[in-house]
Amino acid sequence: MESFSTLIRCASHEQHVEAETSTFMSDLLGGRLGVRAYARYTEQLWFVYEALESGAERLAVDPVAGPFIRPELLRLPALERDLAHLRGAGWRAGLSALPATRAYADRIRECAERWPGGYVAHHYTRYLGDLSGGQIIRDRAERTWGFTRKGDGVRFYVFEGISNPAAFKRSYRELLDAVAADELERQRIVAECRRAFALNTEVFRALSEEFPLSA
């Protein structure tokens, strides 16, 4: 029988590719957008991770979500350092979420409060994505805008507490395989993974409208 982690990966593959190849991300990684667009994207990430991590302490004792709450994954402090670097000391005053970002963060918060299995779906799509594709973004950002390697501006993508990302991802998938959920609940979690990718893609779409490439 197919493992749950494989099922999740295969079921959300199409949405994953769509998110990765969005116009905004392609333009950003291709060096066609300025650092302002990168800063705006980082700002949107703050709202997403604030929703993910503000409820983490409470979920740490939950039998379903608890095993996934790992301190070495937490991104908010790194994001805040990046934003201070990108936007200056008063970055919080100018912080604003796009409507698509607000919808994404609201859904994460709703799952965190009411449905641990759904929270796991969002946790998986974000953190495993950051550990994988996020490294490409870091490398391009360093080269395009001259950030110090693994320094301020790209700290969000640096997981200092994870010395072996491949081994960590393997253990994370084992946690997914061990999730205490029946078949129906697993299907609901898979559907929420798809929804997470769709919400993320909407954020990229909104960013591409805010930062259109001049013809």
Protein backbone atom coordinates (compact mmCIF):
# COMPACT_ATOMS: atom_id res chain seq x y z
CA MET A 1 0.00 0.00 0.00
CA GLU A 2 1.19 3.51 -0.85
CA SER A 3 2.58 5.41 2.14
CA PHE A 4 0.74 8.53 3.28
CA SER A 5 3.74 10.80 2.58
CA THR A 6 3.93 9.46 -1.00
CA LEU A 7 0.19 9.92 -1.41
CA ILE A 8 0.43 13.55 -0.29
CA ARG A 9 3.41 14.28 -2.53
CA CYS A 10 1.81 12.75 -5.62
CA ALA A 11 -1.65 14.22 -5.02
CA SER A 12 -0.33 17.77 -4.69
CA HIS A 13 2.37 17.54 -7.39
CA GLU A 14 0.42 19.51 -10.00
CA GLN A 15 -0.33 22.39 -7.62
CA HIS A 16 3.26 22.33 -6.40
CA VAL A 17 4.56 22.80 -9.95
CA GLU A 18 2.01 25.56 -10.59
CA ALA A 19 3.17 27.46 -7.49
CA GLU A 20 6.87 27.03 -8.33
CA THR A 21 6.43 28.17 -11.94
CA SER A 22 4.14 31.13 -11.24
CA THR A 23 4.86 34.29 -13.24
CA PHE A 24 5.92 36.21 -10.14
CA MET A 25 8.34 33.54 -8.93
CA SER A 26 9.76 33.03 -12.43
CA ASP A 27 10.34 36.77 -12.81
CA LEU A 28 11.80 37.08 -9.31
CA LEU A 29 14.19 34.15 -9.73
CA GLY A 30 15.05 35.30 -13.23
CA GLY A 31 16.32 38.62 -11.86
CA ARG A 32 13.65 40.57 -13.75
CA LEU A 33 12.17 42.12 -10.59
CA GLY A 34 13.86 44.45 -8.14
CA VAL A 35 14.61 43.96 -4.47
CA ARG A 36 11.38 45.81 -3.63
CA ALA A 37 9.37 42.87 -5.02
CA TYR A 38 11.48 40.45 -2.98
CA ALA A 39 10.87 42.55 0.17
CA ARG A 40 7.11 42.59 -0.52
CA TYR A 41 7.11 38.80 -0.93
CA THR A 42 9.05 38.42 2.34
CA GLU A 43 6.45 40.63 4.02
CA GLN A 44 3.65 38.31 2.84
CA LEU A 45 5.54 35.34 4.23
CA TRP A 46 5.54 37.02 7.65
CA PHE A 47 1.72 36.88 7.78
CA VAL A 48 1.69 33.21 6.73
CA TYR A 49 4.27 32.16 9.32
CA GLU A 50 2.76 34.27 12.04
CA ALA A 51 -0.44 32.24 11.50
CA LEU A 52 1.49 28.96 11.45
CA GLU A 53 3.65 29.65 14.49
CA SER A 54 1.41 31.68 16.80
CA GLY A 55 -0.60 28.52 17.59
CA ALA A 56 2.37 26.14 17.60
CA GLU A 57 2.90 26.07 21.36
CA ARG A 58 -0.71 25.08 22.00
CA LEU A 59 -0.58 22.40 19.28
CA ALA A 60 2.65 20.90 20.63
CA VAL A 61 0.62 18.63 22.93
CA ASP A 62 -1.88 17.59 20.25
CA PRO A 63 -1.56 13.89 19.29
CA VAL A 64 -1.85 14.63 15.54
CA ALA A 65 -0.05 17.98 15.09
CA GLY A 66 2.28 17.76 18.10
CA PRO A 67 5.03 15.60 16.57
CA PHE A 68 5.47 18.17 13.76
CA ILE A 69 6.06 21.14 16.08
CA ARG A 70 9.86 21.32 15.97
CA PRO A 71 11.74 24.39 17.26
CA GLU A 72 14.40 24.05 14.55
CA LEU A 73 11.75 24.76 11.92
CA LEU A 74 10.40 28.03 13.35
CA ARG A 75 10.86 30.87 10.82
CA LEU A 76 9.37 33.98 12.39
CA PRO A 77 12.52 35.32 14.15
CA ALA A 78 14.54 34.89 10.93
CA LEU A 79 11.81 36.57 8.86
CA GLU A 80 11.80 39.51 11.24
CA ARG A 81 15.56 39.94 10.91
CA ASP A 82 15.22 39.83 7.13
CA LEU A 83 12.44 42.42 7.16
CA ALA A 84 14.48 44.74 9.40
CA HIS A 85 17.31 44.43 6.87
CA LEU A 86 15.06 44.93 3.84
CA ARG A 87 12.74 47.60 5.20
CA GLY A 88 14.61 49.20 8.10
CA ALA A 89 13.97 49.26 11.84
CA GLY A 90 10.39 50.51 11.47
CA TRP A 91 9.34 47.64 9.17
CA ARG A 92 6.36 46.68 11.36
CA ALA A 93 4.64 50.02 10.82
CA GLY A 94 4.48 49.49 7.06
CA LEU A 95 3.48 45.83 7.20
CA SER A 96 0.44 45.04 5.04
CA ALA A 97 -1.08 41.79 3.82
CA LEU A 98 -2.51 41.37 0.36
CA PRO A 99 -6.13 40.09 0.42
CA ALA A 100 -4.86 36.74 -0.93
CA THR A 101 -2.30 36.55 1.87
CA ARG A 102 -4.96 37.34 4.46
CA ALA A 103 -7.17 34.54 3.10
CA TYR A 104 -4.21 32.12 3.27
CA ALA A 105 -3.25 33.13 6.83
CA ASP A 106 -6.89 32.98 7.96
CA ARG A 107 -7.23 29.42 6.67
CA ILE A 108 -4.06 28.33 8.48
CA ARG A 109 -5.29 29.92 11.70
CA GLU A 110 -8.68 28.24 11.32
CA CYS A 111 -7.02 24.83 10.95
CA ALA A 112 -4.68 25.54 13.88
CA GLU A 113 -7.66 26.28 16.08
CA ARG A 114 -10.13 23.64 14.92
CA TRP A 115 -8.51 20.90 12.85
CA PRO A 116 -5.00 19.60 13.67
CA GLY A 117 -4.95 17.38 10.54
CA GLY A 118 -5.52 20.43 8.36
CA TYR A 119 -2.78 22.28 10.22
CA VAL A 120 -0.39 19.41 9.40
CA ALA A 121 -1.26 19.84 5.70
CA HIS A 122 -0.23 23.51 5.81
CA HIS A 123 2.83 22.74 7.94
CA TYR A 124 4.00 20.16 5.39
CA THR A 125 3.49 22.36 2.32
CA ARG A 126 5.36 25.27 3.88
CA TYR A 127 8.29 23.87 5.82
CA LEU A 128 9.26 21.04 3.49
CA GLY A 129 9.02 23.48 0.60
CA ASP A 130 11.31 25.94 2.40
CA LEU A 131 13.85 23.23 3.07
CA SER A 132 13.84 22.22 -0.60
CA GLY A 133 12.93 24.88 -3.18
CA GLY A 134 13.61 27.67 -0.70
CA GLN A 135 17.33 27.05 -1.12
CA ILE A 136 17.09 27.99 -4.80
CA ILE A 137 15.42 31.29 -3.83
CA ARG A 138 18.16 31.99 -1.28
CA ASP A 139 20.92 31.35 -3.80
CA ARG A 140 19.30 33.57 -6.45
CA ALA A 141 18.58 36.35 -3.96
CA GLU A 142 22.20 36.36 -2.77
CA ARG A 143 23.48 36.57 -6.34
CA THR A 144 20.87 39.04 -7.64
CA TRP A 145 20.79 41.55 -4.78
CA GLY A 146 24.14 40.95 -3.13
CA PHE A 147 22.98 39.68 0.26
CA THR A 148 25.68 38.15 2.45
CA ARG A 149 25.66 34.38 2.03
CA LYS A 150 23.11 33.01 4.54
CA GLY A 151 22.99 36.46 6.14
CA ASP A 152 20.43 39.20 6.74
CA GLY A 153 17.91 39.33 3.92
CA VAL A 154 17.91 35.56 3.34
CA ARG A 155 17.92 34.18 6.90
CA PHE A 156 14.39 32.86 6.39
CA TYR A 157 15.87 30.17 4.11
CA VAL A 158 18.66 29.21 6.52
CA PHE A 159 17.77 26.40 8.92
CA GLU A 160 20.66 26.60 11.34
CA GLY A 161 19.25 23.87 13.58
CA ILE A 162 19.09 21.33 10.74
CA SER A 163 22.54 20.07 9.81
CA ASN A 164 21.29 17.35 7.44
CA PRO A 165 18.20 18.49 5.48
CA ALA A 166 17.86 15.17 3.60
CA ALA A 167 17.76 13.18 6.85
CA PHE A 168 15.35 15.69 8.39
CA LYS A 169 12.97 15.44 5.42
CA ARG A 170 13.14 11.66 5.67
CA SER A 171 12.18 11.74 9.36
CA TYR A 172 9.42 14.27 8.58
CA ARG A 173 7.93 11.90 5.99
CA GLU A 174 8.05 9.11 8.57
CA LEU A 175 5.99 11.34 10.88
CA LEU A 176 3.46 11.82 8.07
CA ASP A 177 3.26 8.07 7.53
CA ALA A 178 2.58 7.61 11.25
CA VAL A 179 -0.21 10.24 11.48
CA ALA A 180 -3.06 8.89 13.60
CA ALA A 181 -5.86 9.25 11.04
CA ASP A 182 -8.27 6.91 9.29
CA GLU A 183 -8.59 6.74 5.50
CA LEU A 184 -11.27 9.44 5.30
CA GLU A 185 -9.26 11.85 7.45
CA ARG A 186 -6.15 11.19 5.35
CA GLN A 187 -8.09 12.08 2.20
CA ARG A 188 -9.23 15.31 3.88
CA ILE A 189 -5.60 16.14 4.77
CA VAL A 190 -4.53 15.51 1.15
CA ALA A 191 -7.32 17.82 -0.06
CA GLU A 192 -6.11 20.50 2.38
CA CYS A 193 -2.58 20.19 0.95
CA ARG A 194 -4.02 20.96 -2.47
CA ARG A 195 -5.89 23.91 -0.98
CA ALA A 196 -2.68 25.18 0.65
CA PHE A 197 -0.86 25.19 -2.68
CA ALA A 198 -3.83 26.94 -4.34
CA LEU A 199 -3.85 29.64 -1.63
CA ASN A 200 -0.11 30.12 -2.08
CA THR A 201 -0.54 30.42 -5.86
CA GLU A 202 -3.16 33.15 -5.32
CA VAL A 203 -0.58 35.12 -3.33
CA PHE A 204 1.87 34.83 -6.24
CA ARG A 205 -0.87 35.93 -8.65
CA ALA A 206 -1.59 39.02 -6.52
CA LEU A 207 2.13 39.83 -6.32
CA SER A 208 2.52 39.55 -10.11
CA GLU A 209 -0.32 42.08 -10.47
CA GLU A 210 1.42 44.41 -8.04
CA PHE A 211 4.79 44.00 -9.82
CA PRO A 212 4.00 43.63 -13.52
CA LEU A 213 6.94 43.61 -15.87
CA SER A 214 6.79 46.64 -18.12
CA ALA A 215 6.28 45.57 -21.73
